[in-house]
Amino acid sequence: MTGPSDSPVRLHVVTGKGGTGKTTVAAAMALALASRGQRVLLAEVEGRQGLAQILDVAPLGTEERSLVTDPSGGEVVGLSIDAKTALLEYLQKFYKLGRAGSILEKVGAVDFATTIAPGVRDVLLIGRVYEAVGRTTKGAKKRPVFDSVVLDAPPTGRIGRFLNVNSEVSEVAKVGPVRNQADSITRLLRSPATAVHLVTLLEEMPVQETLDAIDELGSLSLRVGSVIANGVRQPLVADEDAAAVADGDPRVHEALESALAAIGVKTGPALLGGLLQEGADHVERARLQAEQHVVLRELDVPIRVLPHMSDGVESGELRLLADALADQAGL
């Protein structure tokens, strides 16, 4: 993985089909970047508090909060971006409303504005990310406050619309601050400073949705940084034995029975049948996984692989995923 000054990418947008583990991957990516001494903002926009659960920390709020410090000097800062809070900040920044903004919220105007025009809502959410990417320290020697920003974005089914803020806003704002901010956000999203990472499982439906998302992002001039195959299981059966296990070859039955007897395990038809079926299922799953991996390797984007964690993702396992990402070049 590259260091803070080696890669032009400052904003990592992480998306994927529901159930593929995109939030877990976003957290692991933030830890991987922090392990290189970077100060990283890890943000979510869906309000599910998935990041807090994965990192085992208190629920994220609308104020930035330090979550993890790394021995390298890196740090992960967490943020949950809320459309209402973002709108109030926006009104204060561009219109200096002050207390009037709070009054608007009390009478329901903020809820109305953030629900009646979904495109404006997305501009507000991404606008908060845009501000974090561009924020610099004070003083003569300005430098970015965050070396990288990792965004746990909406799933692939909505990612194109979410990131295509110009098109969404054009229906409600042809000119003015809203449109100007949308234009600035689009320039960032289409620049080398932004990379969209798609998380998938090596299964047919998630891989197909990933391919569709890559086509959509390309049509919007948005760059795919990588495809991350998550939860990849290592084959436990040697290639030369796979066909025999899958076909229920009697020799496999005999070999398994002998091996169990050698370690003092009493066997019966039910136990042997169950184990043989487990073996056949594993071989079939490995075959399908290998087929989908071939499909991904045909893409003209980097493919990263993360291992299956049989016991779920606790803090130690999350670090293993972060290390796996850090060992695969390109972030």
C-alpha atoms as a PDB file:
ATOM      1  CA  MET A   1       0.000   0.000   0.000  1.00  0.00           C
ATOM      2  CA  THR A   2       1.257   3.481  -0.773  1.00  0.00           C
ATOM      3  CA  GLY A   3       2.007   6.186   1.724  1.00  0.00           C
ATOM      4  CA  PRO A   4       0.239   9.551   2.128  1.00  0.00           C
ATOM      5  CA  SER A   5       2.334  11.334  -0.495  1.00  0.00           C
ATOM      6  CA  ASP A   6       2.586   8.513  -3.034  1.00  0.00           C
ATOM      7  CA  SER A   7      -1.039   8.132  -4.122  1.00  0.00           C
ATOM      8  CA  PRO A   8      -3.224  10.864  -5.615  1.00  0.00           C
ATOM      9  CA  VAL A   9      -6.325   9.269  -4.079  1.00  0.00           C
ATOM     10  CA  ARG A  10      -7.691  11.194  -1.103  1.00  0.00           C
ATOM     11  CA  LEU A  11     -11.308   9.984  -1.148  1.00  0.00           C
ATOM     12  CA  HIS A  12     -12.063   6.253  -1.074  1.00  0.00           C
ATOM     13  CA  VAL A  13     -15.756   5.523  -1.734  1.00  0.00           C
ATOM     14  CA  VAL A  14     -16.686   1.981  -0.665  1.00  0.00           C
ATOM     15  CA  THR A  15     -19.852   0.405  -2.068  1.00  0.00           C
ATOM     16  CA  GLY A  16     -21.193  -3.088  -2.725  1.00  0.00           C
ATOM     17  CA  LYS A  17     -24.322  -5.177  -2.894  1.00  0.00           C
ATOM     18  CA  GLY A  18     -26.082  -5.561   0.450  1.00  0.00           C
ATOM     19  CA  GLY A  19     -24.662  -8.452   2.434  1.00  0.00           C
ATOM     20  CA  THR A  20     -21.203  -8.395   0.863  1.00  0.00           C
ATOM     21  CA  GLY A  21     -19.568  -6.726   3.860  1.00  0.00           C
ATOM     22  CA  LYS A  22     -18.936  -3.252   2.443  1.00  0.00           C
ATOM     23  CA  THR A  23     -19.059  -1.613   5.870  1.00  0.00           C
ATOM     24  CA  THR A  24     -16.551  -4.106   7.241  1.00  0.00           C
ATOM     25  CA  VAL A  25     -14.275  -3.471   4.261  1.00  0.00           C
ATOM     26  CA  ALA A  26     -14.598   0.314   4.705  1.00  0.00           C
ATOM     27  CA  ALA A  27     -13.501  -0.015   8.340  1.00  0.00           C
ATOM     28  CA  ALA A  28     -10.618  -2.322   7.384  1.00  0.00           C
ATOM     29  CA  MET A  29      -9.531   0.104   4.652  1.00  0.00           C
ATOM     30  CA  ALA A  30      -9.445   2.987   7.145  1.00  0.00           C
ATOM     31  CA  LEU A  31      -7.311   0.903   9.519  1.00  0.00           C
ATOM     32  CA  ALA A  32      -5.000  -0.080   6.652  1.00  0.00           C
ATOM     33  CA  LEU A  33      -4.455   3.556   5.693  1.00  0.00           C
ATOM     34  CA  ALA A  34      -3.942   4.566   9.323  1.00  0.00           C
ATOM     35  CA  SER A  35      -1.291   1.839   9.684  1.00  0.00           C
ATOM     36  CA  ARG A  36       0.847   3.894   7.286  1.00  0.00           C
ATOM     37  CA  GLY A  37       0.727   6.899   9.556  1.00  0.00           C
ATOM     38  CA  GLN A  38      -2.230   8.576   7.871  1.00  0.00           C
ATOM     39  CA  ARG A  39      -4.950  10.531   9.629  1.00  0.00           C
ATOM     40  CA  VAL A  40      -8.137   9.065   8.169  1.00  0.00           C
ATOM     41  CA  LEU A  41     -11.764  10.175   8.355  1.00  0.00           C
ATOM     42  CA  LEU A  42     -14.131   7.186   8.255  1.00  0.00           C
ATOM     43  CA  ALA A  43     -17.645   8.391   7.452  1.00  0.00           C
ATOM     44  CA  GLU A  44     -21.061   6.807   6.979  1.00  0.00           C
ATOM     45  CA  VAL A  45     -24.165   8.342   5.403  1.00  0.00           C
ATOM     46  CA  GLU A  46     -26.910   5.772   5.975  1.00  0.00           C
ATOM     47  CA  GLY A  47     -27.314   6.184   9.737  1.00  0.00           C
ATOM     48  CA  ARG A  48     -27.187   2.431  10.429  1.00  0.00           C
ATOM     49  CA  GLN A  49     -24.286   2.693  12.906  1.00  0.00           C
ATOM     50  CA  GLY A  50     -22.664  -0.285  11.208  1.00  0.00           C
ATOM     51  CA  LEU A  51     -19.189   1.182  11.650  1.00  0.00           C
ATOM     52  CA  ALA A  52     -19.674   1.592  15.394  1.00  0.00           C
ATOM     53  CA  GLN A  53     -20.745  -2.041  15.714  1.00  0.00           C
ATOM     54  CA  ILE A  54     -17.808  -3.354  13.696  1.00  0.00           C
ATOM     55  CA  LEU A  55     -15.250  -1.219  15.523  1.00  0.00           C
ATOM     56  CA  ASP A  56     -16.984  -1.876  18.878  1.00  0.00           C
ATOM     57  CA  VAL A  57     -17.209   1.792  19.801  1.00  0.00           C
ATOM     58  CA  ALA A  58     -20.003   4.083  20.935  1.00  0.00           C
ATOM     59  CA  PRO A  59     -22.453   5.170  18.187  1.00  0.00           C
ATOM     60  CA  LEU A  60     -20.989   7.728  15.820  1.00  0.00           C
ATOM     61  CA  GLY A  61     -22.374  11.245  15.946  1.00  0.00           C
ATOM     62  CA  THR A  62     -22.446  14.260  13.675  1.00  0.00           C
ATOM     63  CA  GLU A  63     -19.271  15.553  15.316  1.00  0.00           C
ATOM     64  CA  GLU A  64     -15.931  14.026  14.324  1.00  0.00           C
ATOM     65  CA  ARG A  65     -14.484  11.761  17.012  1.00  0.00           C
ATOM     66  CA  SER A  66     -11.228   9.846  17.297  1.00  0.00           C
ATOM     67  CA  LEU A  67     -11.892   6.100  17.132  1.00  0.00           C
ATOM     68  CA  VAL A  68      -8.554   4.337  16.722  1.00  0.00           C
ATOM     69  CA  THR A  69      -4.915   5.350  17.053  1.00  0.00           C
ATOM     70  CA  ASP A  70      -2.156   3.323  15.413  1.00  0.00           C
ATOM     71  CA  PRO A  71       1.407   2.781  16.700  1.00  0.00           C
ATOM     72  CA  SER A  72       2.638   4.325  13.429  1.00  0.00           C
ATOM     73  CA  GLY A  73       1.095   7.635  14.484  1.00  0.00           C
ATOM     74  CA  GLY A  74      -1.946   7.193  12.261  1.00  0.00           C
ATOM     75  CA  GLU A  75      -5.472   7.792  13.450  1.00  0.00           C
ATOM     76  CA  VAL A  76      -9.020   6.895  12.411  1.00  0.00           C
ATOM     77  CA  VAL A  77     -11.623   9.583  13.072  1.00  0.00           C
ATOM     78  CA  GLY A  78     -15.305   8.636  12.821  1.00  0.00           C
ATOM     79  CA  LEU A  79     -18.318  10.594  11.593  1.00  0.00           C
ATOM     80  CA  SER A  80     -21.980   9.840  10.890  1.00  0.00           C
ATOM     81  CA  ILE A  81     -23.210  12.344   8.307  1.00  0.00           C
ATOM     82  CA  ASP A  82     -26.817  13.387   8.811  1.00  0.00           C
ATOM     83  CA  ALA A  83     -28.676  15.316   6.109  1.00  0.00           C
ATOM     84  CA  LYS A  84     -30.427  17.638   8.568  1.00  0.00           C
ATOM     85  CA  THR A  85     -27.200  18.604  10.318  1.00  0.00           C
ATOM     86  CA  ALA A  86     -25.481  19.027   6.945  1.00  0.00           C
ATOM     87  CA  LEU A  87     -28.274  21.327   5.757  1.00  0.00           C
ATOM     88  CA  LEU A  88     -28.043  23.518   8.869  1.00  0.00           C
ATOM     89  CA  GLU A  89     -24.271  23.757   8.399  1.00  0.00           C
ATOM     90  CA  TYR A  90     -24.826  24.604   4.735  1.00  0.00           C
ATOM     91  CA  LEU A  91     -27.343  27.362   5.555  1.00  0.00           C
ATOM     92  CA  GLN A  92     -24.965  28.843   8.095  1.00  0.00           C
ATOM     93  CA  LYS A  93     -22.000  28.710   5.687  1.00  0.00           C
ATOM     94  CA  PHE A  94     -23.721  30.270   2.672  1.00  0.00           C
ATOM     95  CA  TYR A  95     -26.505  32.356   4.207  1.00  0.00           C
ATOM     96  CA  LYS A  96     -25.300  33.066   7.785  1.00  0.00           C
ATOM     97  CA  LEU A  97     -28.702  32.153   9.185  1.00  0.00           C
ATOM     98  CA  GLY A  98     -27.469  31.447  12.703  1.00  0.00           C
ATOM     99  CA  ARG A  99     -30.437  30.937  15.047  1.00  0.00           C
ATOM    100  CA  ALA A 100     -32.829  31.168  12.107  1.00  0.00           C
ATOM    101  CA  GLY A 101     -31.593  27.771  10.989  1.00  0.00           C
ATOM    102  CA  SER A 102     -32.688  26.250  14.295  1.00  0.00           C
ATOM    103  CA  ILE A 103     -36.084  27.869  13.910  1.00  0.00           C
ATOM    104  CA  LEU A 104     -36.436  26.328  10.453  1.00  0.00           C
ATOM    105  CA  GLU A 105     -35.715  22.941  11.974  1.00  0.00           C
ATOM    106  CA  LYS A 106     -38.356  23.416  14.672  1.00  0.00           C
ATOM    107  CA  VAL A 107     -41.072  24.219  12.161  1.00  0.00           C
ATOM    108  CA  GLY A 108     -40.209  21.226  10.011  1.00  0.00           C
ATOM    109  CA  ALA A 109     -38.642  23.090   7.103  1.00  0.00           C
ATOM    110  CA  VAL A 110     -35.387  21.136   7.375  1.00  0.00           C
ATOM    111  CA  ASP A 111     -37.181  17.776   7.258  1.00  0.00           C
ATOM    112  CA  PHE A 112     -39.160  19.004   4.266  1.00  0.00           C
ATOM    113  CA  ALA A 113     -36.061  20.167   2.400  1.00  0.00           C
ATOM    114  CA  THR A 114     -34.129  16.950   2.989  1.00  0.00           C
ATOM    115  CA  THR A 115     -36.954  14.620   1.946  1.00  0.00           C
ATOM    116  CA  ILE A 116     -38.814  16.441  -0.829  1.00  0.00           C
ATOM    117  CA  ALA A 117     -35.701  16.743  -3.022  1.00  0.00           C
ATOM    118  CA  PRO A 118     -33.561  13.577  -2.752  1.00  0.00           C
ATOM    119  CA  GLY A 119     -30.924  15.031  -5.074  1.00  0.00           C
ATOM    120  CA  VAL A 120     -30.381  17.979  -2.746  1.00  0.00           C
ATOM    121  CA  ARG A 121     -30.159  15.571   0.190  1.00  0.00           C
ATOM    122  CA  ASP A 122     -27.334  13.676  -1.524  1.00  0.00           C
ATOM    123  CA  VAL A 123     -25.510  16.915  -2.313  1.00  0.00           C
ATOM    124  CA  LEU A 124     -25.669  17.790   1.377  1.00  0.00           C
ATOM    125  CA  LEU A 125     -24.354  14.381   2.428  1.00  0.00           C
ATOM    126  CA  ILE A 126     -21.520  14.303  -0.092  1.00  0.00           C
ATOM    127  CA  GLY A 127     -20.901  17.989   0.524  1.00  0.00           C
ATOM    128  CA  ARG A 128     -19.875  17.187   4.081  1.00  0.00           C
ATOM    129  CA  VAL A 129     -17.400  14.629   2.719  1.00  0.00           C
ATOM    130  CA  TYR A 130     -16.180  17.144   0.129  1.00  0.00           C
ATOM    131  CA  GLU A 131     -15.523  19.672   2.888  1.00  0.00           C
ATOM    132  CA  ALA A 132     -13.489  17.127   4.877  1.00  0.00           C
ATOM    133  CA  VAL A 133     -11.359  16.204   1.851  1.00  0.00           C
ATOM    134  CA  GLY A 134     -10.566  19.856   1.149  1.00  0.00           C
ATOM    135  CA  ARG A 135     -10.105  21.044   4.720  1.00  0.00           C
ATOM    136  CA  THR A 136      -6.613  22.254   5.558  1.00  0.00           C
ATOM    137  CA  THR A 137      -4.795  23.223   8.718  1.00  0.00           C
ATOM    138  CA  LYS A 138      -4.423  26.848   9.690  1.00  0.00           C
ATOM    139  CA  GLY A 139      -1.184  28.744   9.460  1.00  0.00           C
ATOM    140  CA  ALA A 140       1.391  29.458   6.784  1.00  0.00           C
ATOM    141  CA  LYS A 141       2.188  25.827   6.009  1.00  0.00           C
ATOM    142  CA  LYS A 142      -1.228  24.494   5.153  1.00  0.00           C
ATOM    143  CA  ARG A 143      -1.688  20.758   4.814  1.00  0.00           C
ATOM    144  CA  PRO A 144      -4.768  18.515   4.632  1.00  0.00           C
ATOM    145  CA  VAL A 145      -6.425  17.864   7.972  1.00  0.00           C
ATOM    146  CA  PHE A 146      -7.105  14.306   6.748  1.00  0.00           C
ATOM    147  CA  ASP A 147      -4.667  12.398   4.574  1.00  0.00           C
ATOM    148  CA  SER A 148      -7.529  10.197   3.398  1.00  0.00           C
ATOM    149  CA  VAL A 149     -11.299  10.011   3.704  1.00  0.00           C
ATOM    150  CA  VAL A 150     -13.052   6.629   3.536  1.00  0.00           C
ATOM    151  CA  LEU A 151     -16.791   6.799   2.846  1.00  0.00           C
ATOM    152  CA  ASP A 152     -19.071   3.862   3.638  1.00  0.00           C
ATOM    153  CA  ALA A 153     -21.417   4.713   0.774  1.00  0.00           C
ATOM    154  CA  PRO A 154     -24.875   3.419  -0.238  1.00  0.00           C
ATOM    155  CA  PRO A 155     -25.026   0.001  -1.963  1.00  0.00           C
ATOM    156  CA  THR A 156     -24.297  -0.505  -5.652  1.00  0.00           C
ATOM    157  CA  GLY A 157     -27.974  -0.304  -6.557  1.00  0.00           C
ATOM    158  CA  ARG A 158     -27.973   3.379  -5.545  1.00  0.00           C
ATOM    159  CA  ILE A 159     -24.335   4.390  -5.903  1.00  0.00           C
ATOM    160  CA  GLY A 160     -24.634   5.906  -9.395  1.00  0.00           C
ATOM    161  CA  ARG A 161     -27.490   8.193  -8.440  1.00  0.00           C
ATOM    162  CA  PHE A 162     -25.838   9.051  -5.137  1.00  0.00           C
ATOM    163  CA  LEU A 163     -22.590  10.144  -6.788  1.00  0.00           C
ATOM    164  CA  ASN A 164     -24.159  11.776  -9.855  1.00  0.00           C
ATOM    165  CA  VAL A 165     -25.052  14.889  -7.904  1.00  0.00           C
ATOM    166  CA  ASN A 166     -25.016  17.265 -10.861  1.00  0.00           C
ATOM    167  CA  SER A 167     -27.784  15.425 -12.674  1.00  0.00           C
ATOM    168  CA  GLU A 168     -29.907  15.194  -9.542  1.00  0.00           C
ATOM    169  CA  VAL A 169     -29.518  18.860  -8.638  1.00  0.00           C
ATOM    170  CA  SER A 170     -30.117  20.148 -12.163  1.00  0.00           C
ATOM    171  CA  GLU A 171     -33.840  19.505 -11.688  1.00  0.00           C
ATOM    172  CA  VAL A 172     -34.082  21.865  -8.733  1.00  0.00           C
ATOM    173  CA  ALA A 173     -31.147  24.278  -8.984  1.00  0.00           C
ATOM    174  CA  LYS A 174     -29.840  25.674 -12.271  1.00  0.00           C
ATOM    175  CA  VAL A 175     -27.738  28.372 -10.607  1.00  0.00           C
ATOM    176  CA  GLY A 176     -26.757  29.551  -7.143  1.00  0.00           C
ATOM    177  CA  PRO A 177     -24.798  28.109  -4.206  1.00  0.00           C
ATOM    178  CA  VAL A 178     -26.456  24.661  -4.376  1.00  0.00           C
ATOM    179  CA  ARG A 179     -25.537  24.279  -8.028  1.00  0.00           C
ATOM    180  CA  ASN A 180     -22.043  25.676  -7.471  1.00  0.00           C
ATOM    181  CA  GLN A 181     -21.401  23.210  -4.676  1.00  0.00           C
ATOM    182  CA  ALA A 182     -22.723  20.350  -6.822  1.00  0.00           C
ATOM    183  CA  ASP A 183     -20.308  21.343  -9.594  1.00  0.00           C
ATOM    184  CA  SER A 184     -17.384  21.441  -7.151  1.00  0.00           C
ATOM    185  CA  ILE A 185     -18.314  18.039  -5.730  1.00  0.00           C
ATOM    186  CA  THR A 186     -18.531  16.557  -9.218  1.00  0.00           C
ATOM    187  CA  ARG A 187     -15.073  17.855 -10.082  1.00  0.00           C
ATOM    188  CA  LEU A 188     -13.687  16.100  -6.997  1.00  0.00           C
ATOM    189  CA  LEU A 189     -15.535  12.837  -7.679  1.00  0.00           C
ATOM    190  CA  ARG A 190     -14.323  12.715 -11.288  1.00  0.00           C
ATOM    191  CA  SER A 191     -10.741  13.643 -10.436  1.00  0.00           C
ATOM    192  CA  PRO A 192      -7.783  11.319  -9.701  1.00  0.00           C
ATOM    193  CA  ALA A 193      -8.299  12.190  -6.027  1.00  0.00           C
ATOM    194  CA  THR A 194     -11.355   9.890  -5.848  1.00  0.00           C
ATOM    195  CA  ALA A 195     -11.571   6.116  -6.243  1.00  0.00           C
ATOM    196  CA  VAL A 196     -14.701   3.978  -5.945  1.00  0.00           C
ATOM    197  CA  HIS A 197     -14.090   0.506  -4.510  1.00  0.00           C
ATOM    198  CA  LEU A 198     -16.703  -2.194  -5.115  1.00  0.00           C
ATOM    199  CA  VAL A 199     -17.063  -4.995  -2.571  1.00  0.00           C
ATOM    200  CA  THR A 200     -18.422  -8.341  -3.737  1.00  0.00           C
ATOM    201  CA  LEU A 201     -18.653 -11.979  -2.788  1.00  0.00           C
ATOM    202  CA  LEU A 202     -17.482 -14.584  -5.281  1.00  0.00           C
ATOM    203  CA  GLU A 203     -21.077 -15.486  -6.094  1.00  0.00           C
ATOM    204  CA  GLU A 204     -22.995 -14.957  -9.311  1.00  0.00           C
ATOM    205  CA  MET A 205     -25.490 -12.280  -8.214  1.00  0.00           C
ATOM    206  CA  PRO A 206     -23.046  -9.991  -6.339  1.00  0.00           C
ATOM    207  CA  VAL A 207     -20.484 -10.294  -9.145  1.00  0.00           C
ATOM    208  CA  GLN A 208     -23.093  -9.433 -11.788  1.00  0.00           C
ATOM    209  CA  GLU A 209     -24.224  -6.403  -9.765  1.00  0.00           C
ATOM    210  CA  THR A 210     -20.584  -5.363  -9.501  1.00  0.00           C
ATOM    211  CA  LEU A 211     -20.170  -5.584 -13.285  1.00  0.00           C
ATOM    212  CA  ASP A 212     -23.332  -3.509 -13.772  1.00  0.00           C
ATOM    213  CA  ALA A 213     -22.079  -0.909 -11.280  1.00  0.00           C
ATOM    214  CA  ILE A 214     -18.717  -0.652 -13.070  1.00  0.00           C
ATOM    215  CA  ASP A 215     -20.529   0.052 -16.346  1.00  0.00           C
ATOM    216  CA  GLU A 216     -22.717   2.678 -14.672  1.00  0.00           C
ATOM    217  CA  LEU A 217     -19.795   4.393 -12.942  1.00  0.00           C
ATOM    218  CA  GLY A 218     -17.864   4.462 -16.210  1.00  0.00           C
ATOM    219  CA  SER A 219     -20.770   6.154 -17.973  1.00  0.00           C
ATOM    220  CA  LEU A 220     -20.670   8.838 -15.252  1.00  0.00           C
ATOM    221  CA  SER A 221     -16.891   9.350 -15.630  1.00  0.00           C
ATOM    222  CA  LEU A 222     -16.279   7.989 -12.119  1.00  0.00           C
ATOM    223  CA  ARG A 223     -13.120   5.938 -11.590  1.00  0.00           C
ATOM    224  CA  VAL A 224     -13.163   2.452 -10.086  1.00  0.00           C
ATOM    225  CA  GLY A 225     -10.191   2.024  -7.776  1.00  0.00           C
ATOM    226  CA  SER A 226     -10.566  -1.705  -7.171  1.00  0.00           C
ATOM    227  CA  VAL A 227     -12.940  -4.621  -6.840  1.00  0.00           C
ATOM    228  CA  ILE A 228     -12.599  -6.327  -3.460  1.00  0.00           C
ATOM    229  CA  ALA A 229     -13.630  -9.985  -3.284  1.00  0.00           C
ATOM    230  CA  ASN A 230     -14.634 -10.423   0.344  1.00  0.00           C
ATOM    231  CA  GLY A 231     -15.117 -13.603   2.351  1.00  0.00           C
ATOM    232  CA  VAL A 232     -13.051 -15.809   0.042  1.00  0.00           C
ATOM    233  CA  ARG A 233     -12.738 -19.370   1.350  1.00  0.00           C
ATOM    234  CA  GLN A 234      -9.569 -21.340   0.751  1.00  0.00           C
ATOM    235  CA  PRO A 235     -10.169 -24.752  -0.908  1.00  0.00           C
ATOM    236  CA  LEU A 236      -9.683 -27.584   1.582  1.00  0.00           C
ATOM    237  CA  VAL A 237      -9.643 -30.365  -1.005  1.00  0.00           C
ATOM    238  CA  ALA A 238      -6.709 -30.863  -3.376  1.00  0.00           C
ATOM    239  CA  ASP A 239      -7.502 -30.332  -7.053  1.00  0.00           C
ATOM    240  CA  GLU A 240      -6.708 -33.939  -7.897  1.00  0.00           C
ATOM    241  CA  ASP A 241      -9.214 -35.173  -5.289  1.00  0.00           C
ATOM    242  CA  ALA A 242     -12.006 -32.679  -5.965  1.00  0.00           C
ATOM    243  CA  ALA A 243     -13.807 -34.691  -8.651  1.00  0.00           C
ATOM    244  CA  ALA A 244     -13.835 -37.847  -6.543  1.00  0.00           C
ATOM    245  CA  VAL A 245     -15.217 -35.984  -3.510  1.00  0.00           C
ATOM    246  CA  ALA A 246     -17.873 -34.247  -5.592  1.00  0.00           C
ATOM    247  CA  ASP A 247     -18.975 -37.493  -7.257  1.00  0.00           C
ATOM    248  CA  GLY A 248     -19.130 -39.512  -4.048  1.00  0.00           C
ATOM    249  CA  ASP A 249     -16.460 -41.949  -5.197  1.00  0.00           C
ATOM    250  CA  PRO A 250     -16.504 -45.090  -2.972  1.00  0.00           C
ATOM    251  CA  ARG A 251     -12.754 -44.749  -2.490  1.00  0.00           C
ATOM    252  CA  VAL A 252     -13.342 -41.420  -0.708  1.00  0.00           C
ATOM    253  CA  HIS A 253     -15.843 -43.174   1.574  1.00  0.00           C
ATOM    254  CA  GLU A 254     -13.298 -45.870   2.408  1.00  0.00           C
ATOM    255  CA  ALA A 255     -10.456 -43.408   2.942  1.00  0.00           C
ATOM    256  CA  LEU A 256     -12.553 -41.231   5.250  1.00  0.00           C
ATOM    257  CA  GLU A 257     -13.735 -44.220   7.275  1.00  0.00           C
ATOM    258  CA  SER A 258     -10.161 -45.471   7.659  1.00  0.00           C
ATOM    259  CA  ALA A 259      -8.847 -42.051   8.665  1.00  0.00           C
ATOM    260  CA  LEU A 260     -11.517 -41.628  11.335  1.00  0.00           C
ATOM    261  CA  ALA A 261     -10.925 -45.114  12.674  1.00  0.00           C
ATOM    262  CA  ALA A 262      -7.193 -44.374  12.908  1.00  0.00           C
ATOM    263  CA  ILE A 263      -7.882 -41.548  15.366  1.00  0.00           C
ATOM    264  CA  GLY A 264     -10.436 -43.540  17.344  1.00  0.00           C
ATOM    265  CA  VAL A 265     -13.641 -42.028  15.966  1.00  0.00           C
ATOM    266  CA  LYS A 266     -16.502 -44.486  15.663  1.00  0.00           C
ATOM    267  CA  THR A 267     -18.412 -44.018  12.445  1.00  0.00           C
ATOM    268  CA  GLY A 268     -21.845 -44.912  11.185  1.00  0.00           C
ATOM    269  CA  PRO A 269     -23.805 -44.299   7.996  1.00  0.00           C
ATOM    270  CA  ALA A 270     -25.260 -41.008   9.245  1.00  0.00           C
ATOM    271  CA  LEU A 271     -21.901 -39.536  10.282  1.00  0.00           C
ATOM    272  CA  LEU A 272     -20.097 -40.659   7.144  1.00  0.00           C
ATOM    273  CA  GLY A 273     -22.931 -39.539   4.896  1.00  0.00           C
ATOM    274  CA  GLY A 274     -23.001 -36.105   6.496  1.00  0.00           C
ATOM    275  CA  LEU A 275     -19.257 -35.628   6.199  1.00  0.00           C
ATOM    276  CA  LEU A 276     -19.227 -36.773   2.581  1.00  0.00           C
ATOM    277  CA  GLN A 277     -22.050 -34.368   1.741  1.00  0.00           C
ATOM    278  CA  GLU A 278     -20.188 -31.530   3.458  1.00  0.00           C
ATOM    279  CA  GLY A 279     -17.161 -32.355   1.351  1.00  0.00           C
ATOM    280  CA  ALA A 280     -19.168 -32.398  -1.868  1.00  0.00           C
ATOM    281  CA  ASP A 281     -20.816 -29.082  -0.985  1.00  0.00           C
ATOM    282  CA  HIS A 282     -17.418 -27.538  -0.243  1.00  0.00           C
ATOM    283  CA  VAL A 283     -15.999 -28.678  -3.574  1.00  0.00           C
ATOM    284  CA  GLU A 284     -19.004 -27.261  -5.435  1.00  0.00           C
ATOM    285  CA  ARG A 285     -18.751 -23.951  -3.570  1.00  0.00           C
ATOM    286  CA  ALA A 286     -15.033 -23.749  -4.344  1.00  0.00           C
ATOM    287  CA  ARG A 287     -15.731 -24.442  -8.020  1.00  0.00           C
ATOM    288  CA  LEU A 288     -18.344 -21.679  -8.248  1.00  0.00           C
ATOM    289  CA  GLN A 289     -16.055 -19.302  -6.345  1.00  0.00           C
ATOM    290  CA  ALA A 290     -13.194 -20.002  -8.787  1.00  0.00           C
ATOM    291  CA  GLU A 291     -15.501 -19.362 -11.766  1.00  0.00           C
ATOM    292  CA  GLN A 292     -16.520 -15.948 -10.430  1.00  0.00           C
ATOM    293  CA  HIS A 293     -12.907 -15.088  -9.656  1.00  0.00           C
ATOM    294  CA  VAL A 294     -12.083 -15.715 -13.327  1.00  0.00           C
ATOM    295  CA  VAL A 295     -14.892 -13.318 -14.300  1.00  0.00           C
ATOM    296  CA  LEU A 296     -13.420 -10.602 -12.088  1.00  0.00           C
ATOM    297  CA  ARG A 297      -9.891 -11.116 -13.353  1.00  0.00           C
ATOM    298  CA  GLU A 298     -11.111 -10.234 -16.841  1.00  0.00           C
ATOM    299  CA  LEU A 299     -11.860  -6.700 -15.621  1.00  0.00           C
ATOM    300  CA  ASP A 300      -9.394  -3.910 -16.272  1.00  0.00           C
ATOM    301  CA  VAL A 301      -9.291  -2.911 -12.592  1.00  0.00           C
ATOM    302  CA  PRO A 302      -7.233  -4.151  -9.626  1.00  0.00           C
ATOM    303  CA  ILE A 303      -8.777  -7.146  -7.832  1.00  0.00           C
ATOM    304  CA  ARG A 304      -8.144  -7.539  -4.122  1.00  0.00           C
ATOM    305  CA  VAL A 305      -9.026 -10.627  -2.097  1.00  0.00           C
ATOM    306  CA  LEU A 306     -10.016 -10.776   1.566  1.00  0.00           C
ATOM    307  CA  PRO A 307     -10.308 -14.105   3.415  1.00  0.00           C
ATOM    308  CA  HIS A 308     -13.440 -15.560   4.962  1.00  0.00           C
ATOM    309  CA  MET A 309     -13.582 -15.060   8.737  1.00  0.00           C
ATOM    310  CA  SER A 310     -15.363 -18.100  10.153  1.00  0.00           C
ATOM    311  CA  ASP A 311     -15.932 -16.531  13.578  1.00  0.00           C
ATOM    312  CA  GLY A 312     -17.124 -13.158  12.319  1.00  0.00           C
ATOM    313  CA  VAL A 313     -15.231  -9.891  12.510  1.00  0.00           C
ATOM    314  CA  GLU A 314     -13.980  -9.041  15.966  1.00  0.00           C
ATOM    315  CA  SER A 315     -11.244  -6.464  16.549  1.00  0.00           C
ATOM    316  CA  GLY A 316      -8.421  -8.933  15.885  1.00  0.00           C
ATOM    317  CA  GLU A 317     -10.016 -10.269  12.717  1.00  0.00           C
ATOM    318  CA  LEU A 318     -10.652  -6.752  11.452  1.00  0.00           C
ATOM    319  CA  ARG A 319      -6.943  -6.046  11.856  1.00  0.00           C
ATOM    320  CA  LEU A 320      -6.207  -9.148   9.771  1.00  0.00           C
ATOM    321  CA  LEU A 321      -8.421  -7.784   6.996  1.00  0.00           C
ATOM    322  CA  ALA A 322      -6.692  -4.413   7.249  1.00  0.00           C
ATOM    323  CA  ASP A 323      -3.303  -6.111   6.973  1.00  0.00           C
ATOM    324  CA  ALA A 324      -4.513  -8.069   3.949  1.00  0.00           C
ATOM    325  CA  LEU A 325      -5.551  -4.830   2.253  1.00  0.00           C
ATOM    326  CA  ALA A 326      -2.290  -3.137   3.214  1.00  0.00           C
ATOM    327  CA  ASP A 327      -0.327  -5.995   1.631  1.00  0.00           C
ATOM    328  CA  GLN A 328      -2.147  -5.595  -1.696  1.00  0.00           C
ATOM    329  CA  ALA A 329      -0.793  -2.593  -3.597  1.00  0.00           C
ATOM    330  CA  GLY A 330      -2.913   0.244  -4.865  1.00  0.00           C
ATOM    331  CA  LEU A 331      -4.610   2.014  -1.954  1.00  0.00           C
END
